[in-house]
C-alpha atoms as a PDB file:
ATOM      1  CA  MET A   1     -27.083 -18.557 155.776  1.00  0.00           C
ATOM      2  CA  THR A   2     -26.077 -17.412 159.265  1.00  0.00           C
ATOM      3  CA  ARG A   3     -27.968 -14.805 161.171  1.00  0.00           C
ATOM      4  CA  SER A   4     -25.014 -12.426 160.782  1.00  0.00           C
ATOM      5  CA  GLY A   5     -24.915 -13.033 157.046  1.00  0.00           C
ATOM      6  CA  GLY A   6     -28.662 -12.529 156.777  1.00  0.00           C
ATOM      7  CA  SER A   7     -28.446  -9.260 158.700  1.00  0.00           C
ATOM      8  CA  GLY A   8     -25.594  -8.114 156.464  1.00  0.00           C
ATOM      9  CA  ALA A   9     -27.577  -8.893 153.324  1.00  0.00           C
ATOM     10  CA  ALA A  10     -30.649  -7.119 154.694  1.00  0.00           C
ATOM     11  CA  ALA A  11     -28.539  -4.071 155.543  1.00  0.00           C
ATOM     12  CA  TRP A  12     -27.215  -3.819 151.997  1.00  0.00           C
ATOM     13  CA  VAL A  13     -30.732  -4.217 150.594  1.00  0.00           C
ATOM     14  CA  LEU A  14     -31.835  -1.286 152.739  1.00  0.00           C
ATOM     15  CA  LEU A  15     -28.861   0.771 151.603  1.00  0.00           C
ATOM     16  CA  ALA A  16     -29.634  -0.079 147.966  1.00  0.00           C
ATOM     17  CA  ALA A  17     -33.215   1.032 148.580  1.00  0.00           C
ATOM     18  CA  TYR A  18     -31.875   4.331 149.919  1.00  0.00           C
ATOM     19  CA  VAL A  19     -29.766   4.806 146.797  1.00  0.00           C
ATOM     20  CA  VAL A  20     -32.720   4.083 144.505  1.00  0.00           C
ATOM     21  CA  GLY A  21     -34.965   6.334 146.576  1.00  0.00           C
ATOM     22  CA  SER A  22     -32.379   9.102 146.424  1.00  0.00           C
ATOM     23  CA  VAL A  23     -32.211   8.871 142.635  1.00  0.00           C
ATOM     24  CA  VAL A  24     -36.006   9.077 142.489  1.00  0.00           C
ATOM     25  CA  GLU A  25     -35.992  12.056 144.852  1.00  0.00           C
ATOM     26  CA  LEU A  26     -33.284  13.926 142.946  1.00  0.00           C
ATOM     27  CA  THR A  27     -35.090  13.297 139.670  1.00  0.00           C
ATOM     28  CA  ALA A  28     -38.321  14.579 141.200  1.00  0.00           C
ATOM     29  CA  VAL A  29     -36.563  17.727 142.400  1.00  0.00           C
ATOM     30  CA  ALA A  30     -34.886  18.317 139.037  1.00  0.00           C
ATOM     31  CA  GLN A  31     -38.119  17.744 137.098  1.00  0.00           C
ATOM     32  CA  GLN A  32     -40.305  19.480 139.693  1.00  0.00           C
ATOM     33  CA  TRP A  33     -42.493  16.436 140.218  1.00  0.00           C
ATOM     34  CA  THR A  34     -44.121  17.674 143.398  1.00  0.00           C
ATOM     35  CA  LEU A  35     -46.157  14.564 144.201  1.00  0.00           C
ATOM     36  CA  VAL A  36     -43.186  12.246 143.712  1.00  0.00           C
ATOM     37  CA  ASP A  37     -41.057  14.538 145.857  1.00  0.00           C
ATOM     38  CA  ARG A  38     -43.630  14.487 148.674  1.00  0.00           C
ATOM     39  CA  ALA A  39     -43.896  10.703 148.474  1.00  0.00           C
ATOM     40  CA  SER A  40     -40.191   9.818 148.276  1.00  0.00           C
ATOM     41  CA  LYS A  41     -38.461  12.334 150.531  1.00  0.00           C
ATOM     42  CA  PRO A  42     -39.963  11.213 153.878  1.00  0.00           C
ATOM     43  CA  LEU A  43     -38.877   7.614 153.226  1.00  0.00           C
ATOM     44  CA  LEU A  44     -35.153   8.219 152.863  1.00  0.00           C
ATOM     45  CA  MET A  45     -33.953   8.884 156.418  1.00  0.00           C
ATOM     46  CA  PRO A  46     -35.960   5.936 157.837  1.00  0.00           C
ATOM     47  CA  LEU A  47     -34.203   3.710 155.286  1.00  0.00           C
ATOM     48  CA  LEU A  48     -30.809   4.920 156.509  1.00  0.00           C
ATOM     49  CA  ALA A  49     -31.848   4.407 160.131  1.00  0.00           C
ATOM     50  CA  ALA A  50     -33.052   0.890 159.349  1.00  0.00           C
ATOM     51  CA  TYR A  51     -29.776   0.149 157.542  1.00  0.00           C
ATOM     52  CA  LEU A  52     -27.774   1.301 160.551  1.00  0.00           C
ATOM     53  CA  LEU A  53     -29.813  -0.715 163.049  1.00  0.00           C
ATOM     54  CA  VAL A  54     -29.801  -3.857 160.939  1.00  0.00           C
ATOM     55  CA  ARG A  55     -26.075  -3.654 160.264  1.00  0.00           C
ATOM     56  CA  VAL A  56     -24.780  -2.943 163.790  1.00  0.00           C
ATOM     57  CA  GLY A  57     -27.777  -3.248 166.126  1.00  0.00           C
ATOM     58  CA  ALA A  58     -29.169  -0.842 168.709  1.00  0.00           C
ATOM     59  CA  ARG A  59     -25.826  -0.164 170.376  1.00  0.00           C
ATOM     60  CA  GLY A  60     -25.194   2.804 172.674  1.00  0.00           C
ATOM     61  CA  ARG A  61     -23.092   4.756 170.189  1.00  0.00           C
ATOM     62  CA  VAL A  62     -25.590   4.148 167.402  1.00  0.00           C
ATOM     63  CA  LEU A  63     -28.771   5.328 169.110  1.00  0.00           C
ATOM     64  CA  PRO A  64     -27.991   9.089 168.937  1.00  0.00           C
ATOM     65  CA  VAL A  65     -27.517   8.751 165.175  1.00  0.00           C
ATOM     66  CA  VAL A  66     -30.828   6.885 164.844  1.00  0.00           C
ATOM     67  CA  VAL A  67     -32.580   9.601 166.861  1.00  0.00           C
ATOM     68  CA  GLY A  68     -30.868  12.219 164.692  1.00  0.00           C
ATOM     69  CA  LEU A  69     -32.150  10.523 161.554  1.00  0.00           C
ATOM     70  CA  ALA A  70     -35.675  10.530 163.003  1.00  0.00           C
ATOM     71  CA  PHE A  71     -35.483  14.288 163.560  1.00  0.00           C
ATOM     72  CA  ALA A  72     -34.017  14.737 160.068  1.00  0.00           C
ATOM     73  CA  CYS A  73     -37.034  12.891 158.677  1.00  0.00           C
ATOM     74  CA  GLY A  74     -39.266  15.323 160.542  1.00  0.00           C
ATOM     75  CA  GLY A  75     -37.255  18.206 159.129  1.00  0.00           C
ATOM     76  CA  ASP A  76     -37.606  16.840 155.615  1.00  0.00           C
ATOM     77  CA  ILE A  77     -41.380  16.651 156.035  1.00  0.00           C
ATOM     78  CA  ALA A  78     -41.594  20.159 157.516  1.00  0.00           C
ATOM     79  CA  LEU A  79     -39.619  21.651 154.630  1.00  0.00           C
ATOM     80  CA  LEU A  80     -42.033  20.136 152.127  1.00  0.00           C
ATOM     81  CA  VAL A  81     -44.564  22.737 153.300  1.00  0.00           C
ATOM     82  CA  SER A  82     -44.081  26.355 152.264  1.00  0.00           C
ATOM     83  CA  GLY A  83     -44.123  29.162 154.800  1.00  0.00           C
ATOM     84  CA  MET A  84     -41.710  30.621 157.359  1.00  0.00           C
ATOM     85  CA  ALA A  85     -43.307  28.735 160.261  1.00  0.00           C
ATOM     86  CA  PHE A  86     -42.586  25.370 158.651  1.00  0.00           C
ATOM     87  CA  PHE A  87     -39.120  26.555 157.621  1.00  0.00           C
ATOM     88  CA  ALA A  88     -38.370  27.445 161.243  1.00  0.00           C
ATOM     89  CA  LEU A  89     -39.768  24.097 162.385  1.00  0.00           C
ATOM     90  CA  GLY A  90     -37.627  22.244 159.875  1.00  0.00           C
ATOM     91  CA  MET A  91     -34.474  24.063 160.910  1.00  0.00           C
ATOM     92  CA  GLY A  92     -35.246  23.372 164.559  1.00  0.00           C
ATOM     93  CA  LEU A  93     -35.615  19.678 163.869  1.00  0.00           C
ATOM     94  CA  PHE A  94     -32.377  19.602 161.895  1.00  0.00           C
ATOM     95  CA  ALA A  95     -30.608  21.424 164.721  1.00  0.00           C
ATOM     96  CA  VAL A  96     -31.549  18.498 166.972  1.00  0.00           C
ATOM     97  CA  THR A  97     -30.152  16.152 164.317  1.00  0.00           C
ATOM     98  CA  HIS A  98     -26.804  17.930 164.443  1.00  0.00           C
ATOM     99  CA  VAL A  99     -26.730  17.769 168.243  1.00  0.00           C
ATOM    100  CA  CYS A 100     -27.474  14.038 168.145  1.00  0.00           C
ATOM    101  CA  TYR A 101     -24.716  13.427 165.615  1.00  0.00           C
ATOM    102  CA  LEU A 102     -22.258  15.491 167.648  1.00  0.00           C
ATOM    103  CA  VAL A 103     -23.054  13.448 170.765  1.00  0.00           C
ATOM    104  CA  ALA A 104     -22.414  10.230 168.824  1.00  0.00           C
ATOM    105  CA  PHE A 105     -19.112  11.542 167.463  1.00  0.00           C
ATOM    106  CA  LEU A 106     -17.914  12.716 170.875  1.00  0.00           C
ATOM    107  CA  ARG A 107     -18.780   9.339 172.399  1.00  0.00           C
ATOM    108  CA  SER A 108     -16.779   7.672 169.647  1.00  0.00           C
ATOM    109  CA  GLY A 109     -13.564   9.641 170.184  1.00  0.00           C
ATOM    110  CA  ALA A 110     -13.878  12.962 168.368  1.00  0.00           C
ATOM    111  CA  LEU A 111     -12.291  14.836 171.295  1.00  0.00           C
ATOM    112  CA  ALA A 112      -9.110  12.795 170.907  1.00  0.00           C
ATOM    113  CA  GLY A 113      -9.042  13.677 167.233  1.00  0.00           C
ATOM    114  CA  LEU A 114      -9.581  17.341 168.065  1.00  0.00           C
ATOM    115  CA  ARG A 115      -6.154  17.499 169.621  1.00  0.00           C
ATOM    116  CA  ARG A 116      -4.643  16.485 166.288  1.00  0.00           C
ATOM    117  CA  ARG A 117      -6.991  18.460 164.044  1.00  0.00           C
ATOM    118  CA  ALA A 118      -7.541  21.678 165.966  1.00  0.00           C
ATOM    119  CA  TRP A 119      -7.479  23.559 162.672  1.00  0.00           C
ATOM    120  CA  VAL A 120     -10.770  21.962 161.624  1.00  0.00           C
ATOM    121  CA  PRO A 121     -13.066  23.839 164.055  1.00  0.00           C
ATOM    122  CA  VAL A 122     -11.046  26.994 163.375  1.00  0.00           C
ATOM    123  CA  LEU A 123     -11.840  26.759 159.666  1.00  0.00           C
ATOM    124  CA  TYR A 124     -15.510  26.075 160.372  1.00  0.00           C
ATOM    125  CA  ALA A 125     -15.622  29.014 162.775  1.00  0.00           C
ATOM    126  CA  LEU A 126     -14.211  31.263 160.062  1.00  0.00           C
ATOM    127  CA  GLY A 127     -16.825  29.940 157.639  1.00  0.00           C
ATOM    128  CA  TRP A 128     -19.539  30.641 160.204  1.00  0.00           C
ATOM    129  CA  LEU A 129     -18.308  34.218 160.667  1.00  0.00           C
ATOM    130  CA  ALA A 130     -18.114  34.738 156.909  1.00  0.00           C
ATOM    131  CA  LEU A 131     -21.706  33.541 156.544  1.00  0.00           C
ATOM    132  CA  LEU A 132     -22.889  36.013 159.185  1.00  0.00           C
ATOM    133  CA  VAL A 133     -21.023  38.859 157.498  1.00  0.00           C
ATOM    134  CA  VAL A 134     -22.635  38.037 154.162  1.00  0.00           C
ATOM    135  CA  MET A 135     -26.107  37.673 155.659  1.00  0.00           C
ATOM    136  CA  HIS A 136     -26.185  40.483 158.223  1.00  0.00           C
ATOM    137  CA  ASP A 137     -27.811  43.060 155.952  1.00  0.00           C
ATOM    138  CA  ARG A 138     -29.864  40.605 153.889  1.00  0.00           C
ATOM    139  CA  VAL A 139     -32.184  39.142 156.525  1.00  0.00           C
ATOM    140  CA  SER A 140     -34.112  40.382 159.535  1.00  0.00           C
ATOM    141  CA  VAL A 141     -32.455  40.510 162.949  1.00  0.00           C
ATOM    142  CA  PRO A 142     -34.473  37.564 164.354  1.00  0.00           C
ATOM    143  CA  LEU A 143     -33.578  35.409 161.353  1.00  0.00           C
ATOM    144  CA  LEU A 144     -29.927  36.454 161.612  1.00  0.00           C
ATOM    145  CA  VAL A 145     -29.895  35.410 165.277  1.00  0.00           C
ATOM    146  CA  ALA A 146     -31.495  32.084 164.340  1.00  0.00           C
ATOM    147  CA  LEU A 147     -28.909  31.533 161.607  1.00  0.00           C
ATOM    148  CA  CYS A 148     -26.163  32.382 164.068  1.00  0.00           C
ATOM    149  CA  ILE A 149     -27.339  29.764 166.566  1.00  0.00           C
ATOM    150  CA  TYR A 150     -28.021  27.169 163.900  1.00  0.00           C
ATOM    151  CA  GLY A 151     -24.593  27.749 162.370  1.00  0.00           C
ATOM    152  CA  ILE A 152     -22.891  27.053 165.683  1.00  0.00           C
ATOM    153  CA  VAL A 153     -24.667  23.700 165.977  1.00  0.00           C
ATOM    154  CA  LEU A 154     -24.144  22.807 162.312  1.00  0.00           C
ATOM    155  CA  TYR A 155     -20.452  23.613 162.177  1.00  0.00           C
ATOM    156  CA  ALA A 156     -19.820  21.993 165.570  1.00  0.00           C
ATOM    157  CA  MET A 157     -21.305  18.784 164.166  1.00  0.00           C
ATOM    158  CA  ALA A 158     -19.169  19.048 161.025  1.00  0.00           C
ATOM    159  CA  SER A 159     -16.063  19.723 163.138  1.00  0.00           C
ATOM    160  CA  GLY A 160     -16.775  16.713 165.342  1.00  0.00           C
ATOM    161  CA  ALA A 161     -17.261  14.559 162.258  1.00  0.00           C
ATOM    162  CA  ALA A 162     -13.909  15.599 160.795  1.00  0.00           C
ATOM    163  CA  CYS A 163     -12.091  15.123 164.102  1.00  0.00           C
ATOM    164  CA  LEU A 164     -13.478  11.605 164.442  1.00  0.00           C
ATOM    165  CA  ASP A 165     -12.701  10.312 160.957  1.00  0.00           C
ATOM    166  CA  ALA A 166     -11.696  11.793 157.607  1.00  0.00           C
ATOM    167  CA  VAL A 167     -14.464  10.060 155.651  1.00  0.00           C
ATOM    168  CA  ILE A 168     -17.122  11.004 158.201  1.00  0.00           C
ATOM    169  CA  GLY A 169     -15.680  14.507 157.946  1.00  0.00           C
ATOM    170  CA  VAL A 170     -16.516  14.538 154.239  1.00  0.00           C
ATOM    171  CA  GLY A 171     -20.095  13.602 155.100  1.00  0.00           C
ATOM    172  CA  GLY A 172     -20.266  16.382 157.668  1.00  0.00           C
ATOM    173  CA  LEU A 173     -18.866  18.846 155.154  1.00  0.00           C
ATOM    174  CA  LEU A 174     -21.475  17.898 152.556  1.00  0.00           C
ATOM    175  CA  PHE A 175     -24.244  18.297 155.146  1.00  0.00           C
ATOM    176  CA  ALA A 176     -22.821  21.700 156.126  1.00  0.00           C
ATOM    177  CA  VAL A 177     -22.634  22.812 152.485  1.00  0.00           C
ATOM    178  CA  SER A 178     -26.262  21.805 151.939  1.00  0.00           C
ATOM    179  CA  ASP A 179     -27.518  23.757 154.952  1.00  0.00           C
ATOM    180  CA  THR A 180     -25.303  26.724 154.115  1.00  0.00           C
ATOM    181  CA  MET A 181     -26.881  26.918 150.663  1.00  0.00           C
ATOM    182  CA  ILE A 182     -30.313  26.979 152.336  1.00  0.00           C
ATOM    183  CA  ALA A 183     -29.138  29.806 154.602  1.00  0.00           C
ATOM    184  CA  LEU A 184     -27.809  31.817 151.661  1.00  0.00           C
ATOM    185  CA  ASN A 185     -31.103  31.330 149.861  1.00  0.00           C
ATOM    186  CA  THR A 186     -32.950  33.043 152.733  1.00  0.00           C
ATOM    187  CA  GLY A 187     -30.883  36.132 151.934  1.00  0.00           C
ATOM    188  CA  GLY A 188     -31.640  36.030 148.222  1.00  0.00           C
ATOM    189  CA  LEU A 189     -28.371  34.358 147.240  1.00  0.00           C
ATOM    190  CA  ARG A 190     -29.788  31.483 145.240  1.00  0.00           C
ATOM    191  CA  LEU A 191     -27.305  29.398 143.291  1.00  0.00           C
ATOM    192  CA  PRO A 192     -28.099  27.811 139.906  1.00  0.00           C
ATOM    193  CA  ALA A 193     -29.984  24.522 140.314  1.00  0.00           C
ATOM    194  CA  HIS A 194     -30.320  25.415 143.992  1.00  0.00           C
ATOM    195  CA  ASP A 195     -32.892  22.800 145.010  1.00  0.00           C
ATOM    196  CA  LEU A 196     -31.056  19.984 143.252  1.00  0.00           C
ATOM    197  CA  ALA A 197     -27.692  21.026 144.725  1.00  0.00           C
ATOM    198  CA  VAL A 198     -29.169  21.208 148.237  1.00  0.00           C
ATOM    199  CA  MET A 199     -30.720  17.747 148.003  1.00  0.00           C
ATOM    200  CA  LEU A 200     -27.694  16.147 146.334  1.00  0.00           C
ATOM    201  CA  THR A 201     -25.241  17.322 148.992  1.00  0.00           C
ATOM    202  CA  TYR A 202     -27.710  16.508 151.776  1.00  0.00           C
ATOM    203  CA  LEU A 203     -28.504  12.965 150.659  1.00  0.00           C
ATOM    204  CA  LEU A 204     -24.888  12.158 149.860  1.00  0.00           C
ATOM    205  CA  GLY A 205     -23.690  13.678 153.131  1.00  0.00           C
ATOM    206  CA  GLN A 206     -26.167  11.679 155.202  1.00  0.00           C
ATOM    207  CA  ALA A 207     -25.221   8.471 153.417  1.00  0.00           C
ATOM    208  CA  VAL A 208     -21.489   9.014 153.938  1.00  0.00           C
ATOM    209  CA  LEU A 209     -22.002   9.845 157.621  1.00  0.00           C
ATOM    210  CA  VAL A 210     -24.184   6.838 158.378  1.00  0.00           C
ATOM    211  CA  VAL A 211     -22.402   4.202 156.291  1.00  0.00           C
ATOM    212  CA  ARG A 212     -18.934   5.153 157.510  1.00  0.00           C
ATOM    213  CA  PHE A 213     -20.112   5.424 161.119  1.00  0.00           C
ATOM    214  CA  ALA A 214     -21.620   1.955 160.851  1.00  0.00           C
ATOM    215  CA  GLY A 215     -18.287   0.719 159.541  1.00  0.00           C
ATOM    216  CA  LEU A 216     -16.402   2.208 162.489  1.00  0.00           C
ATOM    217  CA  VAL A 217     -18.820   0.675 164.983  1.00  0.00           C
ATOM    218  CA  SER A 218     -18.552  -2.717 163.265  1.00  0.00           C
ATOM    219  CA  ALA A 219     -14.757  -2.536 163.281  1.00  0.00           C
ATOM    220  CA  ALA A 220     -14.693  -1.632 166.972  1.00  0.00           C
ATOM    221  CA  ARG A 221     -17.052  -4.510 167.778  1.00  0.00           C
ATOM    222  CA  GLY A 222     -14.867  -6.974 165.929  1.00  0.00           C
ATOM    223  CA  SER A 223     -11.567  -5.856 167.450  1.00  0.00           C
ATOM    224  CA  SER A 224     -10.011  -7.103 170.650  1.00  0.00           C
ATOM    225  CA  PRO A 225      -9.855  -4.855 173.764  1.00  0.00           C
ATOM    226  CA  ALA A 226      -6.162  -4.227 173.090  1.00  0.00           C
ATOM    227  CA  ASP A 227      -6.950  -3.212 169.512  1.00  0.00           C
ATOM    228  CA  ARG A 228      -9.576  -0.761 170.750  1.00  0.00           C
ATOM    229  CA  VAL A 229      -7.056   0.891 173.066  1.00  0.00           C
ATOM    230  CA  THR A 230      -4.544   1.175 170.226  1.00  0.00           C
ATOM    231  CA  SER A 231      -7.233   2.542 167.904  1.00  0.00           C
ATOM    232  CA  ALA A 232      -8.323   5.109 170.462  1.00  0.00           C
ATOM    233  CA  ARG A 233      -4.719   6.302 170.849  1.00  0.00           C
ATOM    234  CA  GLY A 234      -3.995   6.357 167.141  1.00  0.00           C
ATOM    235  CA  PRO A 235      -4.699   9.183 164.666  1.00  0.00           C
ATOM    236  CA  ALA A 236      -8.343   9.949 164.079  1.00  0.00           C
ATOM    237  CA  GLY A 237      -9.627   8.189 161.004  1.00  0.00           C
ATOM    238  CA  SER A 238      -7.003   5.449 161.163  1.00  0.00           C
ATOM    239  CA  ARG A 239      -9.435   2.650 162.134  1.00  0.00           C
END
């Protein structure tokens, strides 16, 4: 087996481990198995980061995503602890994740896609405003300000994802839905099966973002310079 083939096999083993771990985590959330939840949740983002590094290597465009996954792991751990201080810490760590992802997307051509999909950030901006309208009389002023700032970062990341690639855009949307449900919960708007819905959209969104991004990086690495120029000039998501 070649080194490339071995790396590819190892990457898929890591991704399979993420899928199995996600099933365990979702089951733990649904069944309220606290100890299993605390044991499985912190392992998931490192598995995705390892998958990404093994599949495409520590390339420049990949490193912001790996750093973002590290901060997401920290956010996952912080949110395992109850209390507003740990909630604020978790949201701060996830805000850094969104910034890291946005940097990676911009480096990969999201600005070019923005010219063709200008309606995407407009829709996210409207969603952000709607969230603030719903929440303005349900939470304290400091929390509302925090949600306002976090929403800008979150929806900017989701917009960048959609402008880069349609599939990555789906991952960004799922991540945004997950965090929006958490925000609504702070105002007492808790949906049925809230915890399970938050984790399902979060884990699926992260997987879609990372796996598709790895695919784009691999495709760019395997193309010729002329192909890369054509890809960069073509519609976002066409690679």
